[in-house]
Amino acid sequence: MDAIIENLPAFAGGFLMTLRLLVVAGVGALVVGMLVAALRISPIPALRGSATVYTEVLRNTPLTLVLFFCAFVLPQLGTRLDYTVAATIGLTLYTSPFVAEAIRSGVNGVPVGQAEAARALGLRFGQTVGLVVFPQAIRMVIPPLINVIIALTKNTSVAAGFSVAELVKVSRDVVQFNGNATVAILIAVAAFYLVITVPLGQLAGYLERKAAVRR
């Protein structure tokens, strides 16, 4: 316990870095995921095909490999990135296909008549998707989206392998000098993650119950 108290500022810094990765990558994944979902339902075959390839490639590629590409391959191509920035980009890219698929499942649940009515009023494809389809689809898939964000929270730990000072990296450094307190340190790190994931899980359950009542 003494090792945890003595290194509390380091754990607090790692916790804040984990939150930073979560918030920035989460927002980025939502934006990119919505764009990919829109392309997946586009009437243009080339756009649908490109979005499908993007989704399948990233969903079936290990996160470590995606982060390795961002941290070490991109600099070889002339793009110099800080490891934290590279990790954020990698987490965004890796998470966005899961966001896109969640949104697409919601789009499939929107009655076809909604889009047909929008087109009958003269709305273009982009307007139909952005103003009619997506607002209904996202409301239905908020709980699955929160589950994706919970998964992203845990995936931020992979950034520790790329010298990003988040919770796992900090705990690994602390364990090196406090080997006799390894179990307590790991429990403390798990508790920090639970501070994020448990409220998110409760929020997902609440929104799911609320959506069920509305239906």
C-alpha atoms as a PDB file:
ATOM      1  CA  MET A   1       0.000   0.000   0.000  1.00  0.00           C
ATOM      2  CA  ASP A   2       2.915   2.324   0.749  1.00  0.00           C
ATOM      3  CA  ALA A   3       4.174   1.900  -2.822  1.00  0.00           C
ATOM      4  CA  ILE A   4       0.815   3.063  -4.170  1.00  0.00           C
ATOM      5  CA  ILE A   5       0.607   6.098  -1.893  1.00  0.00           C
ATOM      6  CA  GLU A   6       4.198   7.112  -2.594  1.00  0.00           C
ATOM      7  CA  ASN A   7       3.653   6.888  -6.346  1.00  0.00           C
ATOM      8  CA  LEU A   8       0.144   8.342  -6.363  1.00  0.00           C
ATOM      9  CA  PRO A   9       1.185  11.377  -8.481  1.00  0.00           C
ATOM     10  CA  ALA A  10       2.593   8.993 -11.108  1.00  0.00           C
ATOM     11  CA  PHE A  11      -0.613   6.930 -11.088  1.00  0.00           C
ATOM     12  CA  ALA A  12      -2.669  10.123 -11.352  1.00  0.00           C
ATOM     13  CA  GLY A  13      -0.619  11.175 -14.385  1.00  0.00           C
ATOM     14  CA  GLY A  14      -1.109   7.764 -15.984  1.00  0.00           C
ATOM     15  CA  PHE A  15      -4.833   7.918 -15.273  1.00  0.00           C
ATOM     16  CA  LEU A  16      -5.070  11.340 -16.928  1.00  0.00           C
ATOM     17  CA  MET A  17      -3.140  10.062 -19.953  1.00  0.00           C
ATOM     18  CA  THR A  18      -5.544   7.112 -20.212  1.00  0.00           C
ATOM     19  CA  LEU A  19      -8.473   9.529 -20.082  1.00  0.00           C
ATOM     20  CA  ARG A  20      -6.833  11.697 -22.733  1.00  0.00           C
ATOM     21  CA  LEU A  21      -6.367   8.738 -25.060  1.00  0.00           C
ATOM     22  CA  LEU A  22      -9.936   7.628 -24.397  1.00  0.00           C
ATOM     23  CA  VAL A  23     -11.568  11.012 -25.014  1.00  0.00           C
ATOM     24  CA  VAL A  24      -9.557  12.050 -28.078  1.00  0.00           C
ATOM     25  CA  ALA A  25      -9.560   8.620 -29.731  1.00  0.00           C
ATOM     26  CA  GLY A  26     -13.212   8.094 -28.777  1.00  0.00           C
ATOM     27  CA  VAL A  27     -14.350  11.342 -30.394  1.00  0.00           C
ATOM     28  CA  GLY A  28     -12.181  10.655 -33.433  1.00  0.00           C
ATOM     29  CA  ALA A  29     -13.546   7.119 -33.768  1.00  0.00           C
ATOM     30  CA  LEU A  30     -17.137   8.385 -33.569  1.00  0.00           C
ATOM     31  CA  VAL A  31     -16.514  10.931 -36.326  1.00  0.00           C
ATOM     32  CA  VAL A  32     -14.641   8.516 -38.595  1.00  0.00           C
ATOM     33  CA  GLY A  33     -17.073   5.706 -37.802  1.00  0.00           C
ATOM     34  CA  MET A  34     -20.085   7.804 -38.799  1.00  0.00           C
ATOM     35  CA  LEU A  35     -18.379   8.698 -42.070  1.00  0.00           C
ATOM     36  CA  VAL A  36     -17.545   5.048 -42.788  1.00  0.00           C
ATOM     37  CA  ALA A  37     -21.102   3.992 -41.915  1.00  0.00           C
ATOM     38  CA  ALA A  38     -22.451   6.596 -44.351  1.00  0.00           C
ATOM     39  CA  LEU A  39     -20.146   5.252 -47.062  1.00  0.00           C
ATOM     40  CA  ARG A  40     -21.256   1.680 -46.322  1.00  0.00           C
ATOM     41  CA  ILE A  41     -24.843   2.619 -47.216  1.00  0.00           C
ATOM     42  CA  SER A  42     -23.890   4.911 -50.098  1.00  0.00           C
ATOM     43  CA  PRO A  43     -25.595   4.318 -53.465  1.00  0.00           C
ATOM     44  CA  ILE A  44     -22.157   4.538 -55.137  1.00  0.00           C
ATOM     45  CA  PRO A  45     -20.570   1.048 -55.364  1.00  0.00           C
ATOM     46  CA  ALA A  46     -16.984   2.347 -55.271  1.00  0.00           C
ATOM     47  CA  LEU A  47     -17.606   4.158 -51.977  1.00  0.00           C
ATOM     48  CA  ARG A  48     -19.361   1.137 -50.472  1.00  0.00           C
ATOM     49  CA  GLY A  49     -16.494  -1.090 -51.546  1.00  0.00           C
ATOM     50  CA  SER A  50     -13.819   1.228 -50.114  1.00  0.00           C
ATOM     51  CA  ALA A  51     -15.640   1.480 -46.783  1.00  0.00           C
ATOM     52  CA  THR A  52     -16.082  -2.296 -46.653  1.00  0.00           C
ATOM     53  CA  VAL A  53     -12.372  -2.892 -47.266  1.00  0.00           C
ATOM     54  CA  TYR A  54     -11.457  -0.313 -44.611  1.00  0.00           C
ATOM     55  CA  THR A  55     -13.784  -1.938 -42.098  1.00  0.00           C
ATOM     56  CA  GLU A  56     -12.734  -5.526 -42.723  1.00  0.00           C
ATOM     57  CA  VAL A  57      -8.993  -4.796 -42.807  1.00  0.00           C
ATOM     58  CA  LEU A  58      -8.902  -2.831 -39.551  1.00  0.00           C
ATOM     59  CA  ARG A  59     -11.369  -5.043 -37.676  1.00  0.00           C
ATOM     60  CA  ASN A  60      -9.237  -8.097 -38.458  1.00  0.00           C
ATOM     61  CA  THR A  61      -5.846  -6.507 -37.769  1.00  0.00           C
ATOM     62  CA  PRO A  62      -4.372  -6.730 -34.239  1.00  0.00           C
ATOM     63  CA  LEU A  63      -4.312  -3.400 -32.405  1.00  0.00           C
ATOM     64  CA  THR A  64      -0.600  -3.818 -31.660  1.00  0.00           C
ATOM     65  CA  LEU A  65       0.117  -3.990 -35.389  1.00  0.00           C
ATOM     66  CA  VAL A  66      -1.966  -0.860 -36.052  1.00  0.00           C
ATOM     67  CA  LEU A  67      -0.088   1.051 -33.337  1.00  0.00           C
ATOM     68  CA  PHE A  68       3.246  -0.269 -34.628  1.00  0.00           C
ATOM     69  CA  PHE A  69       2.375   1.050 -38.093  1.00  0.00           C
ATOM     70  CA  CYS A  70       1.498   4.492 -36.722  1.00  0.00           C
ATOM     71  CA  ALA A  71       4.532   4.694 -34.427  1.00  0.00           C
ATOM     72  CA  PHE A  72       7.259   3.250 -36.647  1.00  0.00           C
ATOM     73  CA  VAL A  73       6.121   2.892 -40.255  1.00  0.00           C
ATOM     74  CA  LEU A  74       4.631   6.361 -40.731  1.00  0.00           C
ATOM     75  CA  PRO A  75       7.933   8.050 -39.686  1.00  0.00           C
ATOM     76  CA  GLN A  76       9.666   5.998 -42.374  1.00  0.00           C
ATOM     77  CA  LEU A  77       7.224   7.519 -44.849  1.00  0.00           C
ATOM     78  CA  GLY A  78       8.124  11.042 -43.745  1.00  0.00           C
ATOM     79  CA  THR A  79       5.421  11.631 -41.128  1.00  0.00           C
ATOM     80  CA  ARG A  80       7.008  12.479 -37.772  1.00  0.00           C
ATOM     81  CA  LEU A  81       4.662  11.815 -34.881  1.00  0.00           C
ATOM     82  CA  ASP A  82       4.977  11.913 -31.120  1.00  0.00           C
ATOM     83  CA  TYR A  83       4.273   8.452 -29.644  1.00  0.00           C
ATOM     84  CA  THR A  84       1.200   9.787 -27.852  1.00  0.00           C
ATOM     85  CA  VAL A  85      -0.156  11.228 -31.097  1.00  0.00           C
ATOM     86  CA  ALA A  86       0.665   8.009 -32.946  1.00  0.00           C
ATOM     87  CA  ALA A  87      -1.143   5.966 -30.278  1.00  0.00           C
ATOM     88  CA  THR A  88      -4.176   8.246 -30.475  1.00  0.00           C
ATOM     89  CA  ILE A  89      -4.336   7.906 -34.255  1.00  0.00           C
ATOM     90  CA  GLY A  90      -3.924   4.136 -34.044  1.00  0.00           C
ATOM     91  CA  LEU A  91      -6.670   3.775 -31.433  1.00  0.00           C
ATOM     92  CA  THR A  92      -8.950   6.007 -33.505  1.00  0.00           C
ATOM     93  CA  LEU A  93      -8.409   3.985 -36.665  1.00  0.00           C
ATOM     94  CA  TYR A  94      -8.794   0.658 -34.871  1.00  0.00           C
ATOM     95  CA  THR A  95     -11.998   1.650 -33.068  1.00  0.00           C
ATOM     96  CA  SER A  96     -13.756   3.445 -35.938  1.00  0.00           C
ATOM     97  CA  PRO A  97     -14.826   0.271 -37.834  1.00  0.00           C
ATOM     98  CA  PHE A  98     -16.544  -1.061 -34.706  1.00  0.00           C
ATOM     99  CA  VAL A  99     -18.363   2.275 -34.365  1.00  0.00           C
ATOM    100  CA  ALA A 100     -19.315   2.124 -38.045  1.00  0.00           C
ATOM    101  CA  GLU A 101     -20.743  -1.384 -37.743  1.00  0.00           C
ATOM    102  CA  ALA A 102     -22.733  -0.444 -34.649  1.00  0.00           C
ATOM    103  CA  ILE A 103     -24.223   2.556 -36.444  1.00  0.00           C
ATOM    104  CA  ARG A 104     -24.897   0.515 -39.576  1.00  0.00           C
ATOM    105  CA  SER A 105     -26.849  -2.013 -37.512  1.00  0.00           C
ATOM    106  CA  GLY A 106     -28.951   0.900 -36.247  1.00  0.00           C
ATOM    107  CA  VAL A 107     -29.461   2.165 -39.789  1.00  0.00           C
ATOM    108  CA  ASN A 108     -30.772  -1.260 -40.774  1.00  0.00           C
ATOM    109  CA  GLY A 109     -33.320  -0.917 -37.965  1.00  0.00           C
ATOM    110  CA  VAL A 110     -34.717   2.366 -39.311  1.00  0.00           C
ATOM    111  CA  PRO A 111     -37.849   1.721 -41.426  1.00  0.00           C
ATOM    112  CA  VAL A 112     -37.154   2.069 -45.148  1.00  0.00           C
ATOM    113  CA  GLY A 113     -40.167   4.349 -45.423  1.00  0.00           C
ATOM    114  CA  GLN A 114     -38.296   7.050 -43.476  1.00  0.00           C
ATOM    115  CA  ALA A 115     -35.641   7.397 -46.186  1.00  0.00           C
ATOM    116  CA  GLU A 116     -38.225   7.103 -48.960  1.00  0.00           C
ATOM    117  CA  ALA A 117     -40.282   9.908 -47.405  1.00  0.00           C
ATOM    118  CA  ALA A 118     -37.161  12.091 -47.139  1.00  0.00           C
ATOM    119  CA  ARG A 119     -36.326  11.513 -50.797  1.00  0.00           C
ATOM    120  CA  ALA A 120     -39.944  12.263 -51.748  1.00  0.00           C
ATOM    121  CA  LEU A 121     -39.517  15.653 -50.046  1.00  0.00           C
ATOM    122  CA  GLY A 122     -36.520  16.356 -52.255  1.00  0.00           C
ATOM    123  CA  LEU A 123     -33.721  15.708 -49.761  1.00  0.00           C
ATOM    124  CA  ARG A 124     -30.401  14.557 -51.190  1.00  0.00           C
ATOM    125  CA  PHE A 125     -28.648  11.409 -49.981  1.00  0.00           C
ATOM    126  CA  GLY A 126     -26.412  13.301 -47.544  1.00  0.00           C
ATOM    127  CA  GLN A 127     -29.348  15.214 -46.111  1.00  0.00           C
ATOM    128  CA  THR A 128     -31.440  12.064 -45.804  1.00  0.00           C
ATOM    129  CA  VAL A 129     -28.679  10.253 -43.924  1.00  0.00           C
ATOM    130  CA  GLY A 130     -27.648  13.186 -41.724  1.00  0.00           C
ATOM    131  CA  LEU A 131     -31.083  14.596 -40.896  1.00  0.00           C
ATOM    132  CA  VAL A 132     -33.403  11.580 -40.965  1.00  0.00           C
ATOM    133  CA  VAL A 133     -31.635   8.213 -40.787  1.00  0.00           C
ATOM    134  CA  PHE A 134     -28.616   8.766 -38.516  1.00  0.00           C
ATOM    135  CA  PRO A 135     -30.474  10.560 -35.689  1.00  0.00           C
ATOM    136  CA  GLN A 136     -32.854   7.598 -35.372  1.00  0.00           C
ATOM    137  CA  ALA A 137     -30.129   4.991 -35.830  1.00  0.00           C
ATOM    138  CA  ILE A 138     -27.763   6.468 -33.231  1.00  0.00           C
ATOM    139  CA  ARG A 139     -30.516   6.633 -30.616  1.00  0.00           C
ATOM    140  CA  MET A 140     -31.032   2.889 -31.046  1.00  0.00           C
ATOM    141  CA  VAL A 141     -27.349   1.963 -30.855  1.00  0.00           C
ATOM    142  CA  ILE A 142     -26.166   4.150 -27.961  1.00  0.00           C
ATOM    143  CA  PRO A 143     -25.674   1.139 -25.617  1.00  0.00           C
ATOM    144  CA  PRO A 144     -23.569  -0.782 -28.208  1.00  0.00           C
ATOM    145  CA  LEU A 145     -21.561   2.381 -28.870  1.00  0.00           C
ATOM    146  CA  ILE A 146     -20.844   2.743 -25.159  1.00  0.00           C
ATOM    147  CA  ASN A 147     -19.659  -0.878 -25.135  1.00  0.00           C
ATOM    148  CA  VAL A 148     -17.253   0.036 -27.937  1.00  0.00           C
ATOM    149  CA  ILE A 149     -15.972   2.948 -25.818  1.00  0.00           C
ATOM    150  CA  ILE A 150     -15.513   0.588 -22.852  1.00  0.00           C
ATOM    151  CA  ALA A 151     -13.453  -1.688 -25.093  1.00  0.00           C
ATOM    152  CA  LEU A 152     -11.441   1.362 -26.193  1.00  0.00           C
ATOM    153  CA  THR A 153     -10.750   2.186 -22.528  1.00  0.00           C
ATOM    154  CA  LYS A 154      -9.130  -1.215 -22.061  1.00  0.00           C
ATOM    155  CA  ASN A 155      -7.350  -1.024 -25.412  1.00  0.00           C
ATOM    156  CA  THR A 156      -5.504   2.125 -24.316  1.00  0.00           C
ATOM    157  CA  SER A 157      -3.323  -0.205 -22.228  1.00  0.00           C
ATOM    158  CA  VAL A 158      -1.665  -1.426 -25.439  1.00  0.00           C
ATOM    159  CA  ALA A 159      -0.138   2.050 -25.819  1.00  0.00           C
ATOM    160  CA  ALA A 160       2.133   1.152 -22.886  1.00  0.00           C
ATOM    161  CA  GLY A 161       4.181  -0.914 -25.322  1.00  0.00           C
ATOM    162  CA  PHE A 162       4.941   2.248 -27.287  1.00  0.00           C
ATOM    163  CA  SER A 163       6.324   4.360 -24.413  1.00  0.00           C
ATOM    164  CA  VAL A 164       3.066   6.215 -23.749  1.00  0.00           C
ATOM    165  CA  ALA A 165       2.886   6.962 -20.012  1.00  0.00           C
ATOM    166  CA  GLU A 166      -0.643   5.666 -19.387  1.00  0.00           C
ATOM    167  CA  LEU A 167      -1.726   3.505 -16.447  1.00  0.00           C
ATOM    168  CA  VAL A 168      -0.121   0.216 -17.484  1.00  0.00           C
ATOM    169  CA  LYS A 169       3.187   1.879 -18.400  1.00  0.00           C
ATOM    170  CA  VAL A 170       3.257   3.709 -15.056  1.00  0.00           C
ATOM    171  CA  SER A 171       2.423   0.538 -13.119  1.00  0.00           C
ATOM    172  CA  ARG A 172       5.169  -1.359 -14.920  1.00  0.00           C
ATOM    173  CA  ASP A 173       7.707   1.324 -13.985  1.00  0.00           C
ATOM    174  CA  VAL A 174       6.537   1.354 -10.355  1.00  0.00           C
ATOM    175  CA  VAL A 175       6.710  -2.459 -10.099  1.00  0.00           C
ATOM    176  CA  GLN A 176      10.366  -2.381 -11.147  1.00  0.00           C
ATOM    177  CA  PHE A 177      11.245  -0.582  -7.900  1.00  0.00           C
ATOM    178  CA  ASN A 178       8.543  -2.170  -5.711  1.00  0.00           C
ATOM    179  CA  GLY A 179       8.532  -5.831  -6.667  1.00  0.00           C
ATOM    180  CA  ASN A 180       7.151  -6.872  -3.299  1.00  0.00           C
ATOM    181  CA  ALA A 181       3.984  -4.830  -3.924  1.00  0.00           C
ATOM    182  CA  THR A 182       3.178  -6.144  -7.415  1.00  0.00           C
ATOM    183  CA  VAL A 183      -0.248  -7.521  -6.525  1.00  0.00           C
ATOM    184  CA  ALA A 184      -1.337  -4.323  -4.744  1.00  0.00           C
ATOM    185  CA  ILE A 185      -0.148  -2.201  -7.665  1.00  0.00           C
ATOM    186  CA  LEU A 186      -2.049  -4.305 -10.199  1.00  0.00           C
ATOM    187  CA  ILE A 187      -5.196  -4.117  -8.062  1.00  0.00           C
ATOM    188  CA  ALA A 188      -4.805  -0.326  -7.894  1.00  0.00           C
ATOM    189  CA  VAL A 189      -4.491  -0.120 -11.694  1.00  0.00           C
ATOM    190  CA  ALA A 190      -7.598  -2.302 -12.115  1.00  0.00           C
ATOM    191  CA  ALA A 191      -9.449   0.021  -9.739  1.00  0.00           C
ATOM    192  CA  PHE A 192      -8.479   3.039 -11.873  1.00  0.00           C
ATOM    193  CA  TYR A 193      -9.905   1.328 -14.966  1.00  0.00           C
ATOM    194  CA  LEU A 194     -13.083   0.429 -13.076  1.00  0.00           C
ATOM    195  CA  VAL A 195     -13.555   4.107 -12.235  1.00  0.00           C
ATOM    196  CA  ILE A 196     -14.043   4.628 -15.982  1.00  0.00           C
ATOM    197  CA  THR A 197     -15.698   1.423 -17.161  1.00  0.00           C
ATOM    198  CA  VAL A 198     -18.247   0.817 -14.392  1.00  0.00           C
ATOM    199  CA  PRO A 199     -20.011   4.206 -14.819  1.00  0.00           C
ATOM    200  CA  LEU A 200     -19.967   3.700 -18.596  1.00  0.00           C
ATOM    201  CA  GLY A 201     -21.582   0.279 -18.171  1.00  0.00           C
ATOM    202  CA  GLN A 202     -24.249   1.714 -15.898  1.00  0.00           C
ATOM    203  CA  LEU A 203     -24.893   4.501 -18.392  1.00  0.00           C
ATOM    204  CA  ALA A 204     -25.308   1.932 -21.182  1.00  0.00           C
ATOM    205  CA  GLY A 205     -27.841   0.000 -19.092  1.00  0.00           C
ATOM    206  CA  TYR A 206     -29.769   3.158 -18.227  1.00  0.00           C
ATOM    207  CA  LEU A 207     -29.946   4.324 -21.853  1.00  0.00           C
ATOM    208  CA  GLU A 208     -30.975   0.848 -23.010  1.00  0.00           C
ATOM    209  CA  ARG A 209     -33.875   0.806 -20.525  1.00  0.00           C
ATOM    210  CA  LYS A 210     -34.872   4.321 -21.533  1.00  0.00           C
ATOM    211  CA  ALA A 211     -34.854   3.429 -25.227  1.00  0.00           C
ATOM    212  CA  ALA A 212     -36.964   0.318 -24.516  1.00  0.00           C
ATOM    213  CA  VAL A 213     -39.585   2.444 -22.749  1.00  0.00           C
ATOM    214  CA  ARG A 214     -39.748   4.874 -25.683  1.00  0.00           C
ATOM    215  CA  ARG A 215     -40.289   2.019 -28.134  1.00  0.00           C
END
